[in-house]
Protein backbone atom coordinates (compact mmCIF):
# COMPACT_ATOMS: atom_id res chain seq x y z
CA UNK A 1 0.21 -0.29 0.24
CA UNK A 2 2.88 2.46 0.98
CA UNK A 3 3.75 2.58 -2.74
CA UNK A 4 0.46 2.99 -4.44
CA UNK A 5 0.37 6.46 -2.04
CA UNK A 6 3.91 7.28 -3.14
CA UNK A 7 3.00 8.22 -6.83
CA UNK A 8 -0.13 10.30 -5.29
CA UNK A 9 2.84 12.41 -4.19
CA UNK A 10 2.59 14.33 -0.60
CA UNK A 11 5.19 16.41 -1.26
CA UNK A 12 5.12 17.92 2.11
CA UNK A 13 4.29 16.11 5.44
CA UNK A 14 3.19 18.10 8.49
CA UNK A 15 6.62 17.95 9.90
CA UNK A 16 7.93 19.27 7.03
CA UNK A 17 5.92 22.46 7.08
CA UNK A 18 4.01 22.60 10.24
CA UNK A 19 2.46 26.11 8.60
CA UNK A 20 0.33 24.15 5.81
CA UNK A 21 0.15 20.51 5.20
CA UNK A 22 0.20 20.81 2.05
CA UNK A 23 -0.93 17.72 0.13
CA UNK A 24 0.16 17.48 -4.09
CA UNK A 25 -1.31 15.22 -6.07
CA UNK A 26 -0.76 13.60 -8.99
CA UNK A 27 -4.58 13.99 -10.47
CA UNK A 28 -3.44 11.01 -13.27
CA UNK A 29 -2.57 8.52 -11.22
CA UNK A 30 -5.42 9.45 -8.73
CA UNK A 31 -8.09 8.93 -11.20
CA UNK A 32 -6.48 5.75 -12.68
CA UNK A 33 -6.54 4.13 -9.51
CA UNK A 34 -9.49 5.16 -8.04
CA UNK A 35 -7.06 6.44 -5.03
CA UNK A 36 -8.80 8.53 -2.22
CA UNK A 37 -7.25 11.42 -0.45
CA UNK A 38 -8.63 13.14 3.03
CA UNK A 39 -7.33 15.16 5.65
CA UNK A 40 -7.92 18.42 7.96
CA UNK A 41 -6.69 21.51 8.14
CA UNK A 42 -6.88 24.20 9.89
CA UNK A 43 -8.89 26.98 8.05
CA UNK A 44 -5.80 29.64 9.52
CA UNK A 45 -3.92 28.13 6.81
CA UNK A 46 -6.23 29.45 3.56
CA UNK A 47 -5.42 32.70 3.67
CA UNK A 48 -6.83 33.92 0.83
CA UNK A 49 -9.98 33.07 2.22
CA UNK A 50 -8.75 34.56 5.72
CA UNK A 51 -7.74 38.35 4.49
CA UNK A 52 -10.96 40.16 3.97
CA UNK A 53 -13.33 37.89 7.52
CA UNK A 54 -13.37 38.78 11.14
CA UNK A 55 -10.78 36.98 13.00
CA UNK A 56 -11.83 32.81 12.81
CA UNK A 57 -11.84 30.29 15.73
CA UNK A 58 -9.15 28.27 15.95
CA UNK A 59 -11.70 25.47 13.22
CA UNK A 60 -10.14 23.13 10.59
CA UNK A 61 -12.14 22.31 7.16
CA UNK A 62 -11.96 18.26 6.33
CA UNK A 63 -11.99 17.54 2.60
CA UNK A 64 -11.63 14.64 0.42
CA UNK A 65 -10.75 14.18 -3.07
CA UNK A 66 -11.04 10.77 -5.37
CA UNK A 67 -10.54 10.16 -8.51
CA UNK A 68 -12.62 8.06 -10.88
CA UNK A 69 -13.39 6.85 -13.75
CA UNK A 70 -17.06 6.79 -15.69
CA UNK A 71 -17.87 4.37 -18.60
CA UNK A 72 -16.91 7.00 -21.22
CA UNK A 73 -12.75 6.56 -20.18
CA UNK A 74 -13.35 9.92 -18.69
CA UNK A 75 -11.25 11.06 -15.39
CA UNK A 76 -12.87 12.88 -12.71
CA UNK A 77 -11.90 14.33 -9.64
CA UNK A 78 -15.01 14.32 -6.76
CA UNK A 79 -13.90 16.69 -3.92
CA UNK A 80 -15.98 17.27 -0.47
CA UNK A 81 -15.23 19.63 1.61
CA UNK A 82 -16.99 20.68 5.31
CA UNK A 83 -16.28 24.09 6.77
CA UNK A 84 -17.32 26.96 9.05
CA UNK A 85 -15.40 30.21 8.31
CA UNK A 86 -17.10 33.33 10.61
CA UNK A 87 -18.46 35.84 7.91
CA UNK A 88 -19.42 39.69 9.05
CA UNK A 89 -23.36 40.39 8.52
CA UNK A 90 -23.36 43.14 6.64
CA UNK A 91 -26.71 44.41 8.73
CA UNK A 92 -25.51 43.90 12.33
CA UNK A 93 -21.45 43.56 11.73
CA UNK A 94 -21.91 41.21 14.24
CA UNK A 95 -20.09 37.49 13.76
CA UNK A 96 -21.69 35.12 11.03
CA UNK A 97 -20.68 31.40 11.07
CA UNK A 98 -21.46 30.32 7.24
CA UNK A 99 -21.68 26.56 7.18
CA UNK A 100 -19.97 25.30 4.06
CA UNK A 101 -21.07 21.30 2.79
CA UNK A 102 -19.78 21.24 -1.04
CA UNK A 103 -19.73 18.36 -2.80
CA UNK A 104 -17.95 18.97 -6.80
CA UNK A 105 -17.47 16.98 -9.32
CA UNK A 106 -14.23 18.31 -11.73
CA UNK A 107 -13.51 16.68 -14.90
CA UNK A 108 -9.53 16.25 -15.83
CA UNK A 109 -8.42 17.69 -19.46
CA UNK A 110 -5.31 17.42 -20.79
CA UNK A 111 -5.03 20.52 -21.94
CA UNK A 112 -6.22 23.93 -21.27
CA UNK A 113 -7.60 23.99 -25.11
CA UNK A 114 -10.31 21.12 -23.86
CA UNK A 115 -11.50 23.38 -21.31
CA UNK A 116 -13.65 25.12 -23.73
CA UNK A 117 -14.04 22.16 -26.26
CA UNK A 118 -17.46 22.09 -26.79
CA UNK A 119 -17.44 19.11 -28.58
CA UNK A 120 -15.96 16.70 -25.96
CA UNK A 121 -19.65 17.63 -24.39
CA UNK A 122 -21.48 14.86 -25.00
CA UNK A 123 -24.99 14.98 -23.05
CA UNK A 124 -26.18 18.36 -21.53
CA UNK A 125 -25.49 17.06 -17.59
CA UNK A 126 -21.79 17.16 -18.80
CA UNK A 127 -22.54 21.07 -18.97
CA UNK A 128 -22.52 21.08 -15.62
CA UNK A 129 -19.45 19.69 -15.08
CA UNK A 130 -16.44 22.71 -14.78
CA UNK A 131 -12.82 21.57 -16.07
CA UNK A 132 -9.67 21.48 -14.53
CA UNK A 133 -6.59 20.95 -16.26
CA UNK A 134 -4.75 17.68 -15.33
CA UNK A 135 -1.68 17.67 -13.55
CA UNK A 136 1.37 15.64 -11.95
CA UNK A 137 1.60 18.25 -9.19
CA UNK A 138 -1.52 19.57 -8.51
CA UNK A 139 -2.25 21.38 -5.28
CA UNK A 140 -5.21 19.60 -3.69
CA UNK A 141 -5.78 22.83 -0.76
CA UNK A 142 -5.72 25.26 -3.25
CA UNK A 143 -8.75 24.04 -4.85
CA UNK A 144 -10.52 22.92 -2.01
CA UNK A 145 -9.96 26.52 -0.69
CA UNK A 146 -11.47 27.51 -4.24
CA UNK A 147 -14.56 25.59 -2.65
CA UNK A 148 -14.65 27.13 -0.12
CA UNK A 149 -14.68 30.94 -1.32
CA UNK A 150 -17.13 29.52 -4.31
CA UNK A 151 -19.69 28.99 -1.28
CA UNK A 152 -19.84 31.84 0.80
CA UNK A 153 -22.53 34.41 -0.33
CA UNK A 154 -21.89 38.08 -1.66
CA UNK A 155 -23.55 39.62 1.21
CA UNK A 156 -23.61 37.10 4.78
CA UNK A 157 -26.55 38.30 7.17
CA UNK A 158 -27.70 36.81 9.43
CA UNK A 159 -32.09 35.68 8.96
CA UNK A 160 -32.73 37.55 11.93
CA UNK A 161 -29.64 39.97 13.61
CA UNK A 162 -29.09 38.77 17.19
CA UNK A 163 -28.07 42.84 18.33
CA UNK A 164 -31.46 44.38 16.71
CA UNK A 165 -33.17 45.74 19.61
CA UNK A 166 -35.58 44.16 20.44
CA UNK A 167 -38.42 46.60 19.77
CA UNK A 168 -37.64 47.23 16.46
CA UNK A 169 -37.63 42.92 15.97
CA UNK A 170 -41.20 42.56 17.24
CA UNK A 171 -42.69 45.50 16.22
CA UNK A 172 -44.73 45.49 13.37
CA UNK A 173 -44.70 48.25 10.73
CA UNK A 174 -47.85 50.98 10.83
CA UNK A 175 -48.96 51.91 7.00
CA UNK A 176 -48.31 55.52 6.64
CA UNK A 177 -52.02 57.28 6.78
CA UNK A 178 -50.74 60.63 5.38
CA UNK A 179 -49.33 59.23 2.30
CA UNK A 180 -52.14 57.82 -0.12
CA UNK A 181 -51.91 54.23 -2.37
CA UNK A 182 -50.27 54.74 -5.48
CA UNK A 183 -53.66 52.51 -6.57
CA UNK A 184 -55.68 55.01 -5.60
CA UNK A 185 -53.85 58.33 -7.17
CA UNK A 186 -54.06 55.65 -10.33
CA UNK A 187 -57.71 55.38 -9.75
CA UNK A 188 -58.25 59.26 -9.46
CA UNK A 189 -56.62 59.73 -13.06
CA UNK A 190 -58.78 57.36 -14.19
CA UNK A 191 -61.94 58.99 -13.31
CA UNK A 192 -60.42 62.45 -14.35
């Protein structure tokens, strides 16, 4: 088993670089053998993810990447990511934990020209599969980080902000009696 795992390529082990356990895989070997590579990485290791976010708790990102080949001989990676980054609510500016539980299937292509090749798409379902260029040294954590970033909302908000004053949270807005309804104005114009 040790010999099978070597080509999958853990380029660095936790002891070699404790700040970031970077796992590189050979996408062709991973898909051909059907192996799975998985791990847990501190959320603080994903610099692009956390650069504009509030301070993150010491939480882990769980991830796995499994290689597979479909009946037509096409190579795929199945990526699974679970994380809970803390965002900032855009209404109350308080911390907002945002669970990300993403699963994605990525088709491995041989060259950048194949990324946009319309002729190789056999089915409509194929349109939904993202493509990446295969590599003998793919940075799995970069792929995981991309998936988390794609799972974040553009404008994060609590359903009900915890810091909203209770009077505002329970009070129903009263209709303004001074302003007539726009339909009443239209009705008046119709009569004239």
